[in-house]
Amino acid sequence: MTKTPDKPARLKDSPSFSTFLRTAASYRVRPGMAAWILHRLTGLLLVIYLPLHVMGLRSLADPASFEKYVTLYRNPLFKLAEVVLLGVVAFHAFNGIRILLQDLYFRSDTQRVLFYVVLVLTLLVTALVGYPILYPYFIGPLLFQ
C-alpha cells in the first residue's frame, strides 16, 4: 500500500500564464507546424470575414445602403484590408492544395519544400494582384508628388 502525502508536492512549473508563455516560446516552429497554425488562422479570418461580406451583399437591395457601403469600401484602409484578405485567401487556398497533394501523392519528406512553395506563391499572387488595388491610393501618390 502506498502512502500519499498530506500536502501535494509543489509542481516544478505551476500552471500560470507566464508558464504557458515560456513553454510556447520554447517550441521550435517547423514548417509543418507553421503551415498548420497559419491554415487554421486564415480559416478563422475567413469565417470572421464571411458575415461582413454577406452584410455588404444584402445592401444591394437598398440603394442608399449600398451607396454607403461603396463609399466606405473606397477608403484607403479598406484597400489595405482588401490586399490582406487577398493574401489570406491565397495562402488558405494554396495550403489546401498542398495538403491535398501531400495526402494523395507526396510523403512528409517534401513537406518543407511544399510549404515554402506555398509561401512564395502566396506572396507572388498577393503582390501581383494587390499592386493594382494599392496603386491609386498609396503607390501612385508617392511617385507623382
C-alpha atoms as a PDB file:
ATOM      1  CA  MET A   1       0.000   0.000   0.000  1.00  0.00           C
ATOM      2  CA  THR A   2       1.413   3.368  -0.988  1.00  0.00           C
ATOM      3  CA  LYS A   3       1.171   6.280   1.276  1.00  0.00           C
ATOM      4  CA  THR A   4       0.002   9.572  -0.196  1.00  0.00           C
ATOM      5  CA  PRO A   5       1.476  12.773   1.147  1.00  0.00           C
ATOM      6  CA  ASP A   6      -0.737  15.078   3.181  1.00  0.00           C
ATOM      7  CA  LYS A   7       0.108  18.066   1.002  1.00  0.00           C
ATOM      8  CA  PRO A   8       0.556  17.794  -2.764  1.00  0.00           C
ATOM      9  CA  ALA A   9       4.103  18.185  -3.962  1.00  0.00           C
ATOM     10  CA  ARG A  10       4.824  21.599  -5.448  1.00  0.00           C
ATOM     11  CA  LEU A  11       4.823  21.395  -9.222  1.00  0.00           C
ATOM     12  CA  LYS A  12       8.043  22.299 -10.955  1.00  0.00           C
ATOM     13  CA  ASP A  13       6.140  24.707 -13.202  1.00  0.00           C
ATOM     14  CA  SER A  14       2.829  25.642 -11.695  1.00  0.00           C
ATOM     15  CA  PRO A  15       0.055  26.396 -14.197  1.00  0.00           C
ATOM     16  CA  SER A  16       0.096  30.091 -15.000  1.00  0.00           C
ATOM     17  CA  PHE A  17       0.100  32.399 -17.957  1.00  0.00           C
ATOM     18  CA  SER A  18       3.840  33.017 -17.630  1.00  0.00           C
ATOM     19  CA  THR A  19       4.480  29.241 -17.646  1.00  0.00           C
ATOM     20  CA  PHE A  20       2.374  28.970 -20.788  1.00  0.00           C
ATOM     21  CA  LEU A  21       4.335  31.782 -22.454  1.00  0.00           C
ATOM     22  CA  ARG A  22       7.675  30.192 -21.512  1.00  0.00           C
ATOM     23  CA  THR A  23       6.533  26.835 -22.852  1.00  0.00           C
ATOM     24  CA  ALA A  24       5.122  28.303 -26.056  1.00  0.00           C
ATOM     25  CA  ALA A  25       8.292  30.332 -26.635  1.00  0.00           C
ATOM     26  CA  SER A  26      10.433  27.219 -26.198  1.00  0.00           C
ATOM     27  CA  TYR A  27       8.846  25.452 -29.184  1.00  0.00           C
ATOM     28  CA  ARG A  28      10.813  25.408 -32.371  1.00  0.00           C
ATOM     29  CA  VAL A  29       8.302  26.188 -35.079  1.00  0.00           C
ATOM     30  CA  ARG A  30       8.973  23.969 -38.064  1.00  0.00           C
ATOM     31  CA  PRO A  31       7.354  24.379 -41.498  1.00  0.00           C
ATOM     32  CA  GLY A  32       4.715  21.722 -40.817  1.00  0.00           C
ATOM     33  CA  MET A  33       3.614  23.368 -37.582  1.00  0.00           C
ATOM     34  CA  ALA A  34       3.699  26.832 -39.175  1.00  0.00           C
ATOM     35  CA  ALA A  35       1.528  25.592 -42.060  1.00  0.00           C
ATOM     36  CA  TRP A  36      -0.909  24.004 -39.602  1.00  0.00           C
ATOM     37  CA  ILE A  37      -1.182  27.168 -37.478  1.00  0.00           C
ATOM     38  CA  LEU A  38      -1.459  29.517 -40.474  1.00  0.00           C
ATOM     39  CA  HIS A  39      -4.080  27.334 -42.153  1.00  0.00           C
ATOM     40  CA  ARG A  40      -6.270  27.442 -39.040  1.00  0.00           C
ATOM     41  CA  LEU A  41      -5.681  31.169 -38.546  1.00  0.00           C
ATOM     42  CA  THR A  42      -6.527  32.033 -42.156  1.00  0.00           C
ATOM     43  CA  GLY A  43      -9.614  29.808 -41.960  1.00  0.00           C
ATOM     44  CA  LEU A  44     -10.726  31.653 -38.822  1.00  0.00           C
ATOM     45  CA  LEU A  45     -10.172  35.026 -40.509  1.00  0.00           C
ATOM     46  CA  LEU A  46     -12.253  33.898 -43.484  1.00  0.00           C
ATOM     47  CA  VAL A  47     -15.071  32.796 -41.164  1.00  0.00           C
ATOM     48  CA  ILE A  48     -14.976  36.215 -39.489  1.00  0.00           C
ATOM     49  CA  TYR A  49     -14.972  37.963 -42.887  1.00  0.00           C
ATOM     50  CA  LEU A  50     -17.925  35.992 -44.266  1.00  0.00           C
ATOM     51  CA  PRO A  51     -20.685  37.773 -42.256  1.00  0.00           C
ATOM     52  CA  LEU A  52     -19.222  41.158 -43.217  1.00  0.00           C
ATOM     53  CA  HIS A  53     -19.312  40.140 -46.857  1.00  0.00           C
ATOM     54  CA  VAL A  54     -22.899  38.911 -46.583  1.00  0.00           C
ATOM     55  CA  MET A  55     -23.941  42.207 -44.962  1.00  0.00           C
ATOM     56  CA  GLY A  56     -22.385  44.083 -47.874  1.00  0.00           C
ATOM     57  CA  LEU A  57     -24.215  41.905 -50.371  1.00  0.00           C
ATOM     58  CA  ARG A  58     -27.520  42.370 -48.568  1.00  0.00           C
ATOM     59  CA  SER A  59     -27.150  46.113 -49.025  1.00  0.00           C
ATOM     60  CA  LEU A  60     -27.703  45.628 -52.773  1.00  0.00           C
ATOM     61  CA  ALA A  61     -31.465  45.678 -52.112  1.00  0.00           C
ATOM     62  CA  ASP A  62     -31.381  49.253 -50.773  1.00  0.00           C
ATOM     63  CA  PRO A  63     -29.659  51.862 -52.988  1.00  0.00           C
ATOM     64  CA  ALA A  64     -28.894  54.246 -50.090  1.00  0.00           C
ATOM     65  CA  SER A  65     -27.358  51.483 -48.001  1.00  0.00           C
ATOM     66  CA  PHE A  66     -25.397  50.240 -50.997  1.00  0.00           C
ATOM     67  CA  GLU A  67     -24.001  53.723 -51.637  1.00  0.00           C
ATOM     68  CA  LYS A  68     -22.905  53.930 -48.005  1.00  0.00           C
ATOM     69  CA  TYR A  69     -21.026  50.617 -48.303  1.00  0.00           C
ATOM     70  CA  VAL A  70     -19.413  51.566 -51.622  1.00  0.00           C
ATOM     71  CA  THR A  71     -18.204  54.864 -50.153  1.00  0.00           C
ATOM     72  CA  LEU A  72     -16.770  53.014 -47.175  1.00  0.00           C
ATOM     73  CA  TYR A  73     -15.067  50.453 -49.433  1.00  0.00           C
ATOM     74  CA  ARG A  74     -13.238  53.235 -51.295  1.00  0.00           C
ATOM     75  CA  ASN A  75     -11.433  54.206 -48.095  1.00  0.00           C
ATOM     76  CA  PRO A  76      -7.658  53.513 -48.326  1.00  0.00           C
ATOM     77  CA  LEU A  77      -7.779  51.414 -45.139  1.00  0.00           C
ATOM     78  CA  PHE A  78     -10.313  49.134 -46.790  1.00  0.00           C
ATOM     79  CA  LYS A  79      -7.974  48.810 -49.766  1.00  0.00           C
ATOM     80  CA  LEU A  80      -5.208  47.643 -47.420  1.00  0.00           C
ATOM     81  CA  ALA A  81      -7.659  45.235 -45.804  1.00  0.00           C
ATOM     82  CA  GLU A  82      -8.617  44.001 -49.270  1.00  0.00           C
ATOM     83  CA  VAL A  83      -4.989  43.127 -50.043  1.00  0.00           C
ATOM     84  CA  VAL A  84      -4.645  41.406 -46.666  1.00  0.00           C
ATOM     85  CA  LEU A  85      -7.815  39.447 -47.458  1.00  0.00           C
ATOM     86  CA  LEU A  86      -6.303  38.524 -50.807  1.00  0.00           C
ATOM     87  CA  GLY A  87      -3.212  37.182 -49.038  1.00  0.00           C
ATOM     88  CA  VAL A  88      -5.337  35.250 -46.541  1.00  0.00           C
ATOM     89  CA  VAL A  89      -7.417  33.650 -49.309  1.00  0.00           C
ATOM     90  CA  ALA A  90      -4.316  32.891 -51.414  1.00  0.00           C
ATOM     91  CA  PHE A  91      -2.481  31.222 -48.526  1.00  0.00           C
ATOM     92  CA  HIS A  92      -5.521  29.234 -47.434  1.00  0.00           C
ATOM     93  CA  ALA A  93      -6.168  28.046 -50.999  1.00  0.00           C
ATOM     94  CA  PHE A  94      -2.549  27.166 -51.822  1.00  0.00           C
ATOM     95  CA  ASN A  95      -2.038  25.455 -48.483  1.00  0.00           C
ATOM     96  CA  GLY A  96      -5.244  23.474 -49.011  1.00  0.00           C
ATOM     97  CA  ILE A  97      -3.858  22.303 -52.348  1.00  0.00           C
ATOM     98  CA  ARG A  98      -0.574  21.444 -50.603  1.00  0.00           C
ATOM     99  CA  ILE A  99      -2.449  19.349 -48.042  1.00  0.00           C
ATOM    100  CA  LEU A 100      -4.379  17.594 -50.804  1.00  0.00           C
ATOM    101  CA  LEU A 101      -1.209  16.870 -52.790  1.00  0.00           C
ATOM    102  CA  GLN A 102       0.555  15.636 -49.701  1.00  0.00           C
ATOM    103  CA  ASP A 103      -2.318  13.331 -48.778  1.00  0.00           C
ATOM    104  CA  LEU A 104      -2.594  11.894 -52.285  1.00  0.00           C
ATOM    105  CA  TYR A 105       0.882  11.892 -53.784  1.00  0.00           C
ATOM    106  CA  PHE A 106       3.750  13.110 -51.654  1.00  0.00           C
ATOM    107  CA  ARG A 107       5.150  11.990 -48.354  1.00  0.00           C
ATOM    108  CA  SER A 108       6.234  14.079 -45.393  1.00  0.00           C
ATOM    109  CA  ASP A 109       9.802  14.443 -46.700  1.00  0.00           C
ATOM    110  CA  THR A 110       8.517  17.021 -49.218  1.00  0.00           C
ATOM    111  CA  GLN A 111       6.550  18.937 -46.592  1.00  0.00           C
ATOM    112  CA  ARG A 112       9.173  21.649 -46.101  1.00  0.00           C
ATOM    113  CA  VAL A 113       9.641  22.325 -49.813  1.00  0.00           C
ATOM    114  CA  LEU A 114       5.900  22.409 -50.482  1.00  0.00           C
ATOM    115  CA  PHE A 115       5.357  24.823 -47.580  1.00  0.00           C
ATOM    116  CA  TYR A 116       7.938  27.229 -48.987  1.00  0.00           C
ATOM    117  CA  VAL A 117       6.344  26.903 -52.447  1.00  0.00           C
ATOM    118  CA  VAL A 118       3.014  27.864 -50.835  1.00  0.00           C
ATOM    119  CA  LEU A 119       4.609  30.913 -49.199  1.00  0.00           C
ATOM    120  CA  VAL A 120       6.254  32.050 -52.447  1.00  0.00           C
ATOM    121  CA  LEU A 121       3.031  31.572 -54.437  1.00  0.00           C
ATOM    122  CA  THR A 122       1.063  33.461 -51.785  1.00  0.00           C
ATOM    123  CA  LEU A 123       3.471  36.393 -51.805  1.00  0.00           C
ATOM    124  CA  LEU A 124       3.610  36.404 -55.606  1.00  0.00           C
ATOM    125  CA  VAL A 125      -0.180  36.390 -56.065  1.00  0.00           C
ATOM    126  CA  THR A 126      -0.695  38.946 -53.300  1.00  0.00           C
ATOM    127  CA  ALA A 127       1.913  41.290 -54.796  1.00  0.00           C
ATOM    128  CA  LEU A 128       0.778  40.934 -58.409  1.00  0.00           C
ATOM    129  CA  VAL A 129      -2.950  41.239 -57.736  1.00  0.00           C
ATOM    130  CA  GLY A 130      -2.573  43.665 -54.833  1.00  0.00           C
ATOM    131  CA  TYR A 131      -0.445  46.149 -56.774  1.00  0.00           C
ATOM    132  CA  PRO A 132      -3.316  47.497 -58.916  1.00  0.00           C
ATOM    133  CA  ILE A 133      -5.514  47.714 -55.815  1.00  0.00           C
ATOM    134  CA  LEU A 134      -2.988  49.772 -53.847  1.00  0.00           C
ATOM    135  CA  TYR A 135      -1.506  51.822 -56.704  1.00  0.00           C
ATOM    136  CA  PRO A 136      -4.138  54.609 -56.871  1.00  0.00           C
ATOM    137  CA  TYR A 137      -4.155  55.079 -53.086  1.00  0.00           C
ATOM    138  CA  PHE A 138      -0.575  54.559 -51.936  1.00  0.00           C
ATOM    139  CA  ILE A 139       1.971  53.949 -54.695  1.00  0.00           C
ATOM    140  CA  GLY A 140       0.836  56.452 -57.343  1.00  0.00           C
ATOM    141  CA  PRO A 141       0.630  59.479 -54.996  1.00  0.00           C
ATOM    142  CA  LEU A 142       4.136  58.728 -53.686  1.00  0.00           C
ATOM    143  CA  LEU A 143       5.597  58.563 -57.196  1.00  0.00           C
ATOM    144  CA  PHE A 144       3.935  61.698 -58.558  1.00  0.00           C
ATOM    145  CA  GLN A 145       4.303  64.222 -55.736  1.00  0.00           C
END
